[in-house]
Every structure is written in structure tokens, then in C-alpha cells.
Amino acid sequence: MSKDYQMKAAINQKLIEMGERERLKELLRAKLVESGWKDQLKAHCKDVIREKGLEHVTVEDLVTEVTPKGRGTARRQQVVGTGQKSSCPCSKTEKINLVVQ
């Protein structure tokens, strides 16, 4: 197991234990909707279907077309918390330990 994988697993486990994982997922969903990201991807899906024709497009085609755009637009919009204070109940030391472990 790689060190990166172990670190991600430890962070994920700690977030689950603290009950923060679900809260963070909901916050992310809300930010994506608020930013228009979801509507942009929906429109892109419709464009792909119009271009290829409903009979000639598969779910795999949509995933292949839309995934790179979705990841790129979410990064460009900086959806997650720029300039916002963290509401995580853990202290700064706990956050550092969480990442280091």
C-alpha cells in the first residue's frame, strides 16, 4: 500500500469518526449547485446528446465527454471554501495530526 493511499484512508476514517464526511459532502453539493456547476454539466450533457443523437449516445459516452469538463470547471470555480473559515470542530493541531497520520 502506498503512503498516499494510507494517508487518504486515515483522513477518510477520521472524517467518518468525527461525523464530518457527510457534512462536507452536503456542503460541496450545495456549493456546486449554488455556483451553477450542476446546470453547466446538465447543459453539456444535452449538447452531447444533440450532437450524437439520442439513439447513438450511451451513458459511457456521456461520462467520457462530461467528466473532464466537470472536473475542470469545478476546479476553476474554486467551489470549496476560498476565504471562508473552517467550521471543523477540531483544533489546528488535530487537523495537522490528521494529515500527518
PDB file of N, CA and C in Angstrom:
ATOM      1  N   MET A   1       0.834  -1.183   0.000  1.00  0.00           N
ATOM      2  CA  MET A   1       0.000   0.000   0.000  1.00  0.00           C
ATOM      3  C   MET A   1       0.883   1.253   0.000  1.00  0.00           C
ATOM      4  N   SER A   2       0.566   2.194  -0.877  1.00  0.00           N
ATOM      5  CA  SER A   2       1.372   3.407  -0.956  1.00  0.00           C
ATOM      6  C   SER A   2       1.096   4.318   0.226  1.00  0.00           C
ATOM      7  N   LYS A   3       2.038   5.190   0.492  1.00  0.00           N
ATOM      8  CA  LYS A   3       1.901   6.138   1.605  1.00  0.00           C
ATOM      9  C   LYS A   3       0.728   7.093   1.361  1.00  0.00           C
ATOM     10  N   ASP A   4       0.536   7.515   0.096  1.00  0.00           N
ATOM     11  CA  ASP A   4      -0.593   8.378  -0.261  1.00  0.00           C
ATOM     12  C   ASP A   4      -1.919   7.703   0.053  1.00  0.00           C
ATOM     13  N   TYR A   5      -2.028   6.448  -0.338  1.00  0.00           N
ATOM     14  CA  TYR A   5      -3.261   5.698  -0.099  1.00  0.00           C
ATOM     15  C   TYR A   5      -3.524   5.573   1.399  1.00  0.00           C
ATOM     16  N   GLN A   6      -2.485   5.270   2.160  1.00  0.00           N
ATOM     17  CA  GLN A   6      -2.635   5.133   3.604  1.00  0.00           C
ATOM     18  C   GLN A   6      -3.070   6.449   4.238  1.00  0.00           C
ATOM     19  N   MET A   7      -2.501   7.561   3.765  1.00  0.00           N
ATOM     20  CA  MET A   7      -2.856   8.860   4.306  1.00  0.00           C
ATOM     21  C   MET A   7      -4.313   9.193   3.979  1.00  0.00           C
ATOM     22  N   LYS A   8      -4.719   8.952   2.737  1.00  0.00           N
ATOM     23  CA  LYS A   8      -6.106   9.211   2.345  1.00  0.00           C
ATOM     24  C   LYS A   8      -7.062   8.356   3.169  1.00  0.00           C
ATOM     25  N   ALA A   9      -6.714   7.106   3.372  1.00  0.00           N
ATOM     26  CA  ALA A   9      -7.566   6.208   4.153  1.00  0.00           C
ATOM     27  C   ALA A   9      -7.679   6.686   5.600  1.00  0.00           C
ATOM     28  N   ALA A  10      -6.562   7.145   6.174  1.00  0.00           N
ATOM     29  CA  ALA A  10      -6.572   7.633   7.555  1.00  0.00           C
ATOM     30  C   ALA A  10      -7.424   8.899   7.679  1.00  0.00           C
ATOM     31  N   ILE A  11      -7.298   9.796   6.720  1.00  0.00           N
ATOM     32  CA  ILE A  11      -8.089  11.030   6.732  1.00  0.00           C
ATOM     33  C   ILE A  11      -9.565  10.695   6.589  1.00  0.00           C
ATOM     34  N   ASN A  12      -9.879   9.835   5.656  1.00  0.00           N
ATOM     35  CA  ASN A  12     -11.266   9.436   5.438  1.00  0.00           C
ATOM     36  C   ASN A  12     -11.858   8.810   6.699  1.00  0.00           C
ATOM     37  N   GLN A  13     -11.106   7.920   7.332  1.00  0.00           N
ATOM     38  CA  GLN A  13     -11.575   7.259   8.552  1.00  0.00           C
ATOM     39  C   GLN A  13     -11.818   8.280   9.660  1.00  0.00           C
ATOM     40  N   LYS A  14     -10.907   9.221   9.815  1.00  0.00           N
ATOM     41  CA  LYS A  14     -11.045  10.252  10.856  1.00  0.00           C
ATOM     42  C   LYS A  14     -12.273  11.128  10.578  1.00  0.00           C
ATOM     43  N   LEU A  15     -12.490  11.489   9.328  1.00  0.00           N
ATOM     44  CA  LEU A  15     -13.670  12.286   8.969  1.00  0.00           C
ATOM     45  C   LEU A  15     -14.957  11.530   9.280  1.00  0.00           C
ATOM     46  N   ILE A  16     -14.970  10.244   9.008  1.00  0.00           N
ATOM     47  CA  ILE A  16     -16.142   9.431   9.310  1.00  0.00           C
ATOM     48  C   ILE A  16     -16.372   9.380  10.815  1.00  0.00           C
ATOM     49  N   GLU A  17     -15.306   9.122  11.569  1.00  0.00           N
ATOM     50  CA  GLU A  17     -15.414   9.043  13.031  1.00  0.00           C
ATOM     51  C   GLU A  17     -15.935  10.344  13.627  1.00  0.00           C
ATOM     52  N   MET A  18     -15.513  11.456  13.062  1.00  0.00           N
ATOM     53  CA  MET A  18     -15.910  12.767  13.584  1.00  0.00           C
ATOM     54  C   MET A  18     -17.281  13.205  13.060  1.00  0.00           C
ATOM     55  N   GLY A  19     -17.810  12.470  12.100  1.00  0.00           N
ATOM     56  CA  GLY A  19     -19.091  12.834  11.523  1.00  0.00           C
ATOM     57  C   GLY A  19     -19.002  13.975  10.524  1.00  0.00           C
ATOM     58  N   GLU A  20     -17.811  14.295  10.104  1.00  0.00           N
ATOM     59  CA  GLU A  20     -17.601  15.426   9.197  1.00  0.00           C
ATOM     60  C   GLU A  20     -17.726  15.057   7.730  1.00  0.00           C
ATOM     61  N   ARG A  21     -17.533  13.795   7.391  1.00  0.00           N
ATOM     62  CA  ARG A  21     -17.527  13.407   5.980  1.00  0.00           C
ATOM     63  C   ARG A  21     -18.857  13.730   5.299  1.00  0.00           C
ATOM     64  N   GLU A  22     -19.953  13.329   5.898  1.00  0.00           N
ATOM     65  CA  GLU A  22     -21.266  13.588   5.300  1.00  0.00           C
ATOM     66  C   GLU A  22     -21.565  15.076   5.249  1.00  0.00           C
ATOM     67  N   ARG A  23     -21.201  15.799   6.306  1.00  0.00           N
ATOM     68  CA  ARG A  23     -21.437  17.244   6.328  1.00  0.00           C
ATOM     69  C   ARG A  23     -20.652  17.923   5.207  1.00  0.00           C
ATOM     70  N   LEU A  24     -19.411  17.506   4.994  1.00  0.00           N
ATOM     71  CA  LEU A  24     -18.591  18.079   3.928  1.00  0.00           C
ATOM     72  C   LEU A  24     -19.154  17.747   2.550  1.00  0.00           C
ATOM     73  N   LYS A  25     -19.663  16.527   2.377  1.00  0.00           N
ATOM     74  CA  LYS A  25     -20.274  16.152   1.101  1.00  0.00           C
ATOM     75  C   LYS A  25     -21.498  17.014   0.804  1.00  0.00           C
ATOM     76  N   GLU A  26     -22.316  17.242   1.810  1.00  0.00           N
ATOM     77  CA  GLU A  26     -23.502  18.076   1.623  1.00  0.00           C
ATOM     78  C   GLU A  26     -23.113  19.523   1.317  1.00  0.00           C
ATOM     79  N   LEU A  27     -22.097  20.029   2.005  1.00  0.00           N
ATOM     80  CA  LEU A  27     -21.618  21.387   1.746  1.00  0.00           C
ATOM     81  C   LEU A  27     -21.111  21.509   0.310  1.00  0.00           C
ATOM     82  N   LEU A  28     -20.369  20.530  -0.143  1.00  0.00           N
ATOM     83  CA  LEU A  28     -19.854  20.534  -1.512  1.00  0.00           C
ATOM     84  C   LEU A  28     -20.993  20.502  -2.525  1.00  0.00           C
ATOM     85  N   ARG A  29     -21.977  19.631  -2.292  1.00  0.00           N
ATOM     86  CA  ARG A  29     -23.131  19.571  -3.199  1.00  0.00           C
ATOM     87  C   ARG A  29     -23.816  20.932  -3.293  1.00  0.00           C
ATOM     88  N   ALA A  30     -24.035  21.546  -2.136  1.00  0.00           N
ATOM     89  CA  ALA A  30     -24.711  22.845  -2.115  1.00  0.00           C
ATOM     90  C   ALA A  30     -23.899  23.900  -2.862  1.00  0.00           C
ATOM     91  N   LYS A  31     -22.581  23.907  -2.676  1.00  0.00           N
ATOM     92  CA  LYS A  31     -21.719  24.886  -3.355  1.00  0.00           C
ATOM     93  C   LYS A  31     -21.722  24.662  -4.865  1.00  0.00           C
ATOM     94  N   LEU A  32     -21.734  23.404  -5.284  1.00  0.00           N
ATOM     95  CA  LEU A  32     -21.753  23.098  -6.715  1.00  0.00           C
ATOM     96  C   LEU A  32     -23.056  23.571  -7.353  1.00  0.00           C
ATOM     97  N   VAL A  33     -24.165  23.344  -6.672  1.00  0.00           N
ATOM     98  CA  VAL A  33     -25.456  23.802  -7.190  1.00  0.00           C
ATOM     99  C   VAL A  33     -25.487  25.323  -7.217  1.00  0.00           C
ATOM    100  N   GLU A  34     -25.067  25.938  -6.115  1.00  0.00           N
ATOM    101  CA  GLU A  34     -25.066  27.402  -5.991  1.00  0.00           C
ATOM    102  C   GLU A  34     -24.224  28.077  -7.074  1.00  0.00           C
ATOM    103  N   SER A  35     -23.120  27.452  -7.434  1.00  0.00           N
ATOM    104  CA  SER A  35     -22.212  28.047  -8.414  1.00  0.00           C
ATOM    105  C   SER A  35     -22.684  27.864  -9.862  1.00  0.00           C
ATOM    106  N   GLY A  36     -23.703  27.028 -10.058  1.00  0.00           N
ATOM    107  CA  GLY A  36     -24.180  26.766 -11.411  1.00  0.00           C
ATOM    108  C   GLY A  36     -23.480  25.601 -12.093  1.00  0.00           C
ATOM    109  N   TRP A  37     -22.572  24.966 -11.386  1.00  0.00           N
ATOM    110  CA  TRP A  37     -21.790  23.861 -11.945  1.00  0.00           C
ATOM    111  C   TRP A  37     -22.692  22.734 -12.428  1.00  0.00           C
ATOM    112  N   LYS A  38     -23.663  22.362 -11.611  1.00  0.00           N
ATOM    113  CA  LYS A  38     -24.570  21.268 -11.968  1.00  0.00           C
ATOM    114  C   LYS A  38     -25.349  21.603 -13.239  1.00  0.00           C
ATOM    115  N   ASP A  39     -25.837  22.840 -13.346  1.00  0.00           N
ATOM    116  CA  ASP A  39     -26.585  23.253 -14.540  1.00  0.00           C
ATOM    117  C   ASP A  39     -25.693  23.262 -15.779  1.00  0.00           C
ATOM    118  N   GLN A  40     -24.426  23.668 -15.611  1.00  0.00           N
ATOM    119  CA  GLN A  40     -23.490  23.673 -16.744  1.00  0.00           C
ATOM    120  C   GLN A  40     -23.270  22.258 -17.273  1.00  0.00           C
ATOM    121  N   LEU A  41     -23.104  21.309 -16.357  1.00  0.00           N
ATOM    122  CA  LEU A  41     -22.881  19.925 -16.792  1.00  0.00           C
ATOM    123  C   LEU A  41     -24.132  19.332 -17.423  1.00  0.00           C
ATOM    124  N   LYS A  42     -25.280  19.679 -16.883  1.00  0.00           N
ATOM    125  CA  LYS A  42     -26.535  19.205 -17.466  1.00  0.00           C
ATOM    126  C   LYS A  42     -26.674  19.722 -18.898  1.00  0.00           C
ATOM    127  N   ALA A  43     -26.354  20.991 -19.106  1.00  0.00           N
ATOM    128  CA  ALA A  43     -26.412  21.582 -20.449  1.00  0.00           C
ATOM    129  C   ALA A  43     -25.406  20.909 -21.378  1.00  0.00           C
ATOM    130  N   HIS A  44     -24.227  20.605 -20.859  1.00  0.00           N
ATOM    131  CA  HIS A  44     -23.212  19.940 -21.675  1.00  0.00           C
ATOM    132  C   HIS A  44     -23.692  18.539 -22.082  1.00  0.00           C
ATOM    133  N   CYS A  45     -24.336  17.830 -21.161  1.00  0.00           N
ATOM    134  CA  CYS A  45     -24.899  16.513 -21.488  1.00  0.00           C
ATOM    135  C   CYS A  45     -25.918  16.634 -22.614  1.00  0.00           C
ATOM    136  N   LYS A  46     -26.778  17.626 -22.516  1.00  0.00           N
ATOM    137  CA  LYS A  46     -27.788  17.834 -23.558  1.00  0.00           C
ATOM    138  C   LYS A  46     -27.131  18.130 -24.900  1.00  0.00           C
ATOM    139  N   ASP A  47     -26.060  18.932 -24.892  1.00  0.00           N
ATOM    140  CA  ASP A  47     -25.335  19.240 -26.132  1.00  0.00           C
ATOM    141  C   ASP A  47     -24.750  17.975 -26.754  1.00  0.00           C
ATOM    142  N   VAL A  48     -24.137  17.137 -25.929  1.00  0.00           N
ATOM    143  CA  VAL A  48     -23.545  15.889 -26.429  1.00  0.00           C
ATOM    144  C   VAL A  48     -24.631  15.006 -27.037  1.00  0.00           C
ATOM    145  N   ILE A  49     -25.777  14.919 -26.376  1.00  0.00           N
ATOM    146  CA  ILE A  49     -26.878  14.096 -26.880  1.00  0.00           C
ATOM    147  C   ILE A  49     -27.400  14.660 -28.197  1.00  0.00           C
ATOM    148  N   ARG A  50     -27.506  15.991 -28.301  1.00  0.00           N
ATOM    149  CA  ARG A  50     -27.958  16.611 -29.557  1.00  0.00           C
ATOM    150  C   ARG A  50     -26.971  16.341 -30.688  1.00  0.00           C
ATOM    151  N   GLU A  51     -25.664  16.452 -30.389  1.00  0.00           N
ATOM    152  CA  GLU A  51     -24.637  16.243 -31.408  1.00  0.00           C
ATOM    153  C   GLU A  51     -24.630  14.805 -31.924  1.00  0.00           C
ATOM    154  N   LYS A  52     -24.694  13.848 -31.002  1.00  0.00           N
ATOM    155  CA  LYS A  52     -24.570  12.444 -31.386  1.00  0.00           C
ATOM    156  C   LYS A  52     -25.912  11.815 -31.734  1.00  0.00           C
ATOM    157  N   GLY A  53     -26.980  12.395 -31.252  1.00  0.00           N
ATOM    158  CA  GLY A  53     -28.307  11.809 -31.440  1.00  0.00           C
ATOM    159  C   GLY A  53     -28.630  10.855 -30.306  1.00  0.00           C
ATOM    160  N   LEU A  54     -29.833  10.938 -29.827  1.00  0.00           N
ATOM    161  CA  LEU A  54     -30.255  10.146 -28.671  1.00  0.00           C
ATOM    162  C   LEU A  54     -30.026   8.653 -28.872  1.00  0.00           C
ATOM    163  N   GLU A  55     -30.262   8.184 -30.093  1.00  0.00           N
ATOM    164  CA  GLU A  55     -30.117   6.758 -30.367  1.00  0.00           C
ATOM    165  C   GLU A  55     -28.659   6.304 -30.412  1.00  0.00           C
ATOM    166  N   HIS A  56     -27.734   7.262 -30.559  1.00  0.00           N
ATOM    167  CA  HIS A  56     -26.327   6.914 -30.757  1.00  0.00           C
ATOM    168  C   HIS A  56     -25.433   7.265 -29.574  1.00  0.00           C
ATOM    169  N   VAL A  57     -26.010   7.689 -28.469  1.00  0.00           N
ATOM    170  CA  VAL A  57     -25.194   8.046 -27.317  1.00  0.00           C
ATOM    171  C   VAL A  57     -25.482   7.072 -26.178  1.00  0.00           C
ATOM    172  N   THR A  58     -24.418   6.688 -25.487  1.00  0.00           N
ATOM    173  CA  THR A  58     -24.556   5.781 -24.347  1.00  0.00           C
ATOM    174  C   THR A  58     -24.168   6.531 -23.073  1.00  0.00           C
ATOM    175  N   VAL A  59     -24.466   5.921 -21.957  1.00  0.00           N
ATOM    176  CA  VAL A  59     -24.062   6.509 -20.676  1.00  0.00           C
ATOM    177  C   VAL A  59     -22.545   6.639 -20.632  1.00  0.00           C
ATOM    178  N   GLU A  60     -21.844   5.645 -21.145  1.00  0.00           N
ATOM    179  CA  GLU A  60     -20.382   5.683 -21.167  1.00  0.00           C
ATOM    180  C   GLU A  60     -19.870   6.867 -21.990  1.00  0.00           C
ATOM    181  N   ASP A  61     -20.549   7.148 -23.126  1.00  0.00           N
ATOM    182  CA  ASP A  61     -20.184   8.308 -23.947  1.00  0.00           C
ATOM    183  C   ASP A  61     -20.311   9.592 -23.136  1.00  0.00           C
ATOM    184  N   LEU A  62     -21.426   9.715 -22.427  1.00  0.00           N
ATOM    185  CA  LEU A  62     -21.642  10.921 -21.617  1.00  0.00           C
ATOM    186  C   LEU A  62     -20.591  11.055 -20.531  1.00  0.00           C
ATOM    187  N   VAL A  63     -20.297   9.959 -19.856  1.00  0.00           N
ATOM    188  CA  VAL A  63     -19.293  10.001 -18.793  1.00  0.00           C
ATOM    189  C   VAL A  63     -17.939  10.410 -19.368  1.00  0.00           C
ATOM    190  N   THR A  64     -17.573   9.829 -20.505  1.00  0.00           N
ATOM    191  CA  THR A  64     -16.290  10.149 -21.137  1.00  0.00           C
ATOM    192  C   THR A  64     -16.219  11.621 -21.542  1.00  0.00           C
ATOM    193  N   GLU A  65     -17.300  12.153 -22.073  1.00  0.00           N
ATOM    194  CA  GLU A  65     -17.340  13.554 -22.525  1.00  0.00           C
ATOM    195  C   GLU A  65     -17.408  14.539 -21.367  1.00  0.00           C
ATOM    196  N   VAL A  66     -18.210  14.240 -20.373  1.00  0.00           N
ATOM    197  CA  VAL A  66     -18.558  15.223 -19.347  1.00  0.00           C
ATOM    198  C   VAL A  66     -17.575  15.236 -18.179  1.00  0.00           C
ATOM    199  N   THR A  67     -16.992  14.105 -17.831  1.00  0.00           N
ATOM    200  CA  THR A  67     -16.120  14.039 -16.655  1.00  0.00           C
ATOM    201  C   THR A  67     -14.973  15.042 -16.697  1.00  0.00           C
ATOM    202  N   PRO A  68     -14.192  15.110 -17.775  1.00  0.00           N
ATOM    203  CA  PRO A  68     -13.092  16.090 -17.780  1.00  0.00           C
ATOM    204  C   PRO A  68     -13.595  17.528 -17.633  1.00  0.00           C
ATOM    205  N   LYS A  69     -14.688  17.849 -18.294  1.00  0.00           N
ATOM    206  CA  LYS A  69     -15.239  19.200 -18.199  1.00  0.00           C
ATOM    207  C   LYS A  69     -15.718  19.475 -16.777  1.00  0.00           C
ATOM    208  N   GLY A  70     -16.383  18.516 -16.179  1.00  0.00           N
ATOM    209  CA  GLY A  70     -16.880  18.683 -14.819  1.00  0.00           C
ATOM    210  C   GLY A  70     -15.769  18.901 -13.821  1.00  0.00           C
ATOM    211  N   ARG A  71     -14.723  18.117 -13.932  1.00  0.00           N
ATOM    212  CA  ARG A  71     -13.586  18.274 -13.014  1.00  0.00           C
ATOM    213  C   ARG A  71     -12.889  19.606 -13.241  1.00  0.00           C
ATOM    214  N   GLY A  72     -12.737  19.986 -14.484  1.00  0.00           N
ATOM    215  CA  GLY A  72     -12.057  21.247 -14.791  1.00  0.00           C
ATOM    216  C   GLY A  72     -12.837  22.460 -14.348  1.00  0.00           C
ATOM    217  N   THR A  73     -14.145  22.467 -14.570  1.00  0.00           N
ATOM    218  CA  THR A  73     -14.936  23.633 -14.191  1.00  0.00           C
ATOM    219  C   THR A  73     -15.065  23.746 -12.684  1.00  0.00           C
ATOM    220  N   ALA A  74     -15.138  22.632 -11.984  1.00  0.00           N
ATOM    221  CA  ALA A  74     -15.218  22.694 -10.514  1.00  0.00           C
ATOM    222  C   ALA A  74     -13.930  23.287  -9.952  1.00  0.00           C
ATOM    223  N   ARG A  75     -12.798  22.919 -10.517  1.00  0.00           N
ATOM    224  CA  ARG A  75     -11.518  23.474 -10.046  1.00  0.00           C
ATOM    225  C   ARG A  75     -11.428  24.966 -10.341  1.00  0.00           C
ATOM    226  N   ARG A  76     -11.821  25.366 -11.557  1.00  0.00           N
ATOM    227  CA  ARG A  76     -11.728  26.780 -11.931  1.00  0.00           C
ATOM    228  C   ARG A  76     -12.637  27.651 -11.081  1.00  0.00           C
ATOM    229  N   GLN A  77     -13.779  27.137 -10.706  1.00  0.00           N
ATOM    230  CA  GLN A  77     -14.711  27.929  -9.921  1.00  0.00           C
ATOM    231  C   GLN A  77     -14.324  27.964  -8.454  1.00  0.00           C
ATOM    232  N   GLN A  78     -13.338  27.172  -8.074  1.00  0.00           N
ATOM    233  CA  GLN A  78     -12.884  27.108  -6.688  1.00  0.00           C
ATOM    234  C   GLN A  78     -14.072  27.012  -5.746  1.00  0.00           C
ATOM    235  N   VAL A  79     -14.817  25.946  -5.927  1.00  0.00           N
ATOM    236  CA  VAL A  79     -16.082  25.771  -5.237  1.00  0.00           C
ATOM    237  C   VAL A  79     -15.892  25.652  -3.729  1.00  0.00           C
ATOM    238  N   VAL A  80     -14.828  25.050  -3.279  1.00  0.00           N
ATOM    239  CA  VAL A  80     -14.702  24.761  -1.853  1.00  0.00           C
ATOM    240  C   VAL A  80     -13.992  25.887  -1.125  1.00  0.00           C
ATOM    241  N   GLY A  81     -14.720  26.573  -0.297  1.00  0.00           N
ATOM    242  CA  GLY A  81     -14.317  27.456   0.771  1.00  0.00           C
ATOM    243  C   GLY A  81     -13.190  28.443   0.596  1.00  0.00           C
ATOM    244  N   THR A  82     -13.015  29.100  -0.487  1.00  0.00           N
ATOM    245  CA  THR A  82     -11.965  30.091  -0.553  1.00  0.00           C
ATOM    246  C   THR A  82     -12.350  31.276   0.323  1.00  0.00           C
ATOM    247  N   GLY A  83     -11.470  31.605   1.237  1.00  0.00           N
ATOM    248  CA  GLY A  83     -11.696  32.755   2.100  1.00  0.00           C
ATOM    249  C   GLY A  83     -12.686  32.519   3.221  1.00  0.00           C
ATOM    250  N   GLN A  84     -13.170  31.303   3.363  1.00  0.00           N
ATOM    251  CA  GLN A  84     -14.119  31.019   4.424  1.00  0.00           C
ATOM    252  C   GLN A  84     -13.414  30.334   5.573  1.00  0.00           C
ATOM    253  N   LYS A  85     -13.890  30.600   6.790  1.00  0.00           N
ATOM    254  CA  LYS A  85     -13.336  29.930   7.953  1.00  0.00           C
ATOM    255  C   LYS A  85     -13.876  28.513   8.007  1.00  0.00           C
ATOM    256  N   SER A  86     -13.040  27.598   8.446  1.00  0.00           N
ATOM    257  CA  SER A  86     -13.457  26.216   8.593  1.00  0.00           C
ATOM    258  C   SER A  86     -14.358  26.083   9.809  1.00  0.00           C
ATOM    259  N   SER A  87     -15.405  25.300   9.658  1.00  0.00           N
ATOM    260  CA  SER A  87     -16.272  25.047  10.798  1.00  0.00           C
ATOM    261  C   SER A  87     -15.986  23.682  11.416  1.00  0.00           C
ATOM    262  N   CYS A  88     -14.859  23.109  11.062  1.00  0.00           N
ATOM    263  CA  CYS A  88     -14.460  21.829  11.633  1.00  0.00           C
ATOM    264  C   CYS A  88     -14.202  22.028  13.129  1.00  0.00           C
ATOM    265  N   PRO A  89     -14.789  21.174  13.976  1.00  0.00           N
ATOM    266  CA  PRO A  89     -14.652  21.356  15.409  1.00  0.00           C
ATOM    267  C   PRO A  89     -13.277  20.997  15.950  1.00  0.00           C
ATOM    268  N   CYS A  90     -12.409  20.430  15.142  1.00  0.00           N
ATOM    269  CA  CYS A  90     -11.110  20.029  15.652  1.00  0.00           C
ATOM    270  C   CYS A  90     -10.147  21.212  15.653  1.00  0.00           C
ATOM    271  N   SER A  91      -9.165  21.127  16.525  1.00  0.00           N
ATOM    272  CA  SER A  91      -8.183  22.203  16.632  1.00  0.00           C
ATOM    273  C   SER A  91      -7.198  22.124  15.481  1.00  0.00           C
ATOM    274  N   LYS A  92      -6.400  23.182  15.336  1.00  0.00           N
ATOM    275  CA  LYS A  92      -5.390  23.214  14.276  1.00  0.00           C
ATOM    276  C   LYS A  92      -4.416  22.044  14.437  1.00  0.00           C
ATOM    277  N   THR A  93      -4.019  21.749  15.667  1.00  0.00           N
ATOM    278  CA  THR A  93      -3.103  20.637  15.929  1.00  0.00           C
ATOM    279  C   THR A  93      -3.725  19.318  15.507  1.00  0.00           C
ATOM    280  N   GLU A  94      -5.018  19.126  15.819  1.00  0.00           N
ATOM    281  CA  GLU A  94      -5.685  17.892  15.415  1.00  0.00           C
ATOM    282  C   GLU A  94      -5.728  17.772  13.895  1.00  0.00           C
ATOM    283  N   LYS A  95      -5.962  18.885  13.204  1.00  0.00           N
ATOM    284  CA  LYS A  95      -6.006  18.876  11.743  1.00  0.00           C
ATOM    285  C   LYS A  95      -4.641  18.471  11.188  1.00  0.00           C
ATOM    286  N   ILE A  96      -3.578  19.025  11.754  1.00  0.00           N
ATOM    287  CA  ILE A  96      -2.224  18.681  11.301  1.00  0.00           C
ATOM    288  C   ILE A  96      -1.943  17.228  11.569  1.00  0.00           C
ATOM    289  N   ASN A  97      -2.283  16.744  12.762  1.00  0.00           N
ATOM    290  CA  ASN A  97      -2.077  15.334  13.094  1.00  0.00           C
ATOM    291  C   ASN A  97      -2.864  14.427  12.174  1.00  0.00           C
ATOM    292  N   LEU A  98      -4.064  14.846  11.829  1.00  0.00           N
ATOM    293  CA  LEU A  98      -4.915  14.080  10.941  1.00  0.00           C
ATOM    294  C   LEU A  98      -4.222  13.897   9.582  1.00  0.00           C
ATOM    295  N   VAL A  99      -3.625  14.942   9.070  1.00  0.00           N
ATOM    296  CA  VAL A  99      -2.948  14.881   7.781  1.00  0.00           C
ATOM    297  C   VAL A  99      -1.665  14.080   7.875  1.00  0.00           C
ATOM    298  N   VAL A 100      -0.915  14.245   8.957  1.00  0.00           N
ATOM    299  CA  VAL A 100       0.373  13.566   9.108  1.00  0.00           C
ATOM    300  C   VAL A 100       0.194  12.068   9.302  1.00  0.00           C
ATOM    301  N   GLN A 101      -0.821  11.680  10.056  1.00  0.00           N
ATOM    302  CA  GLN A 101      -1.025  10.256  10.320  1.00  0.00           C
ATOM    303  C   GLN A 101      -1.329   9.573   9.061  1.00  0.00           C
TER     304      GLN A 101
END
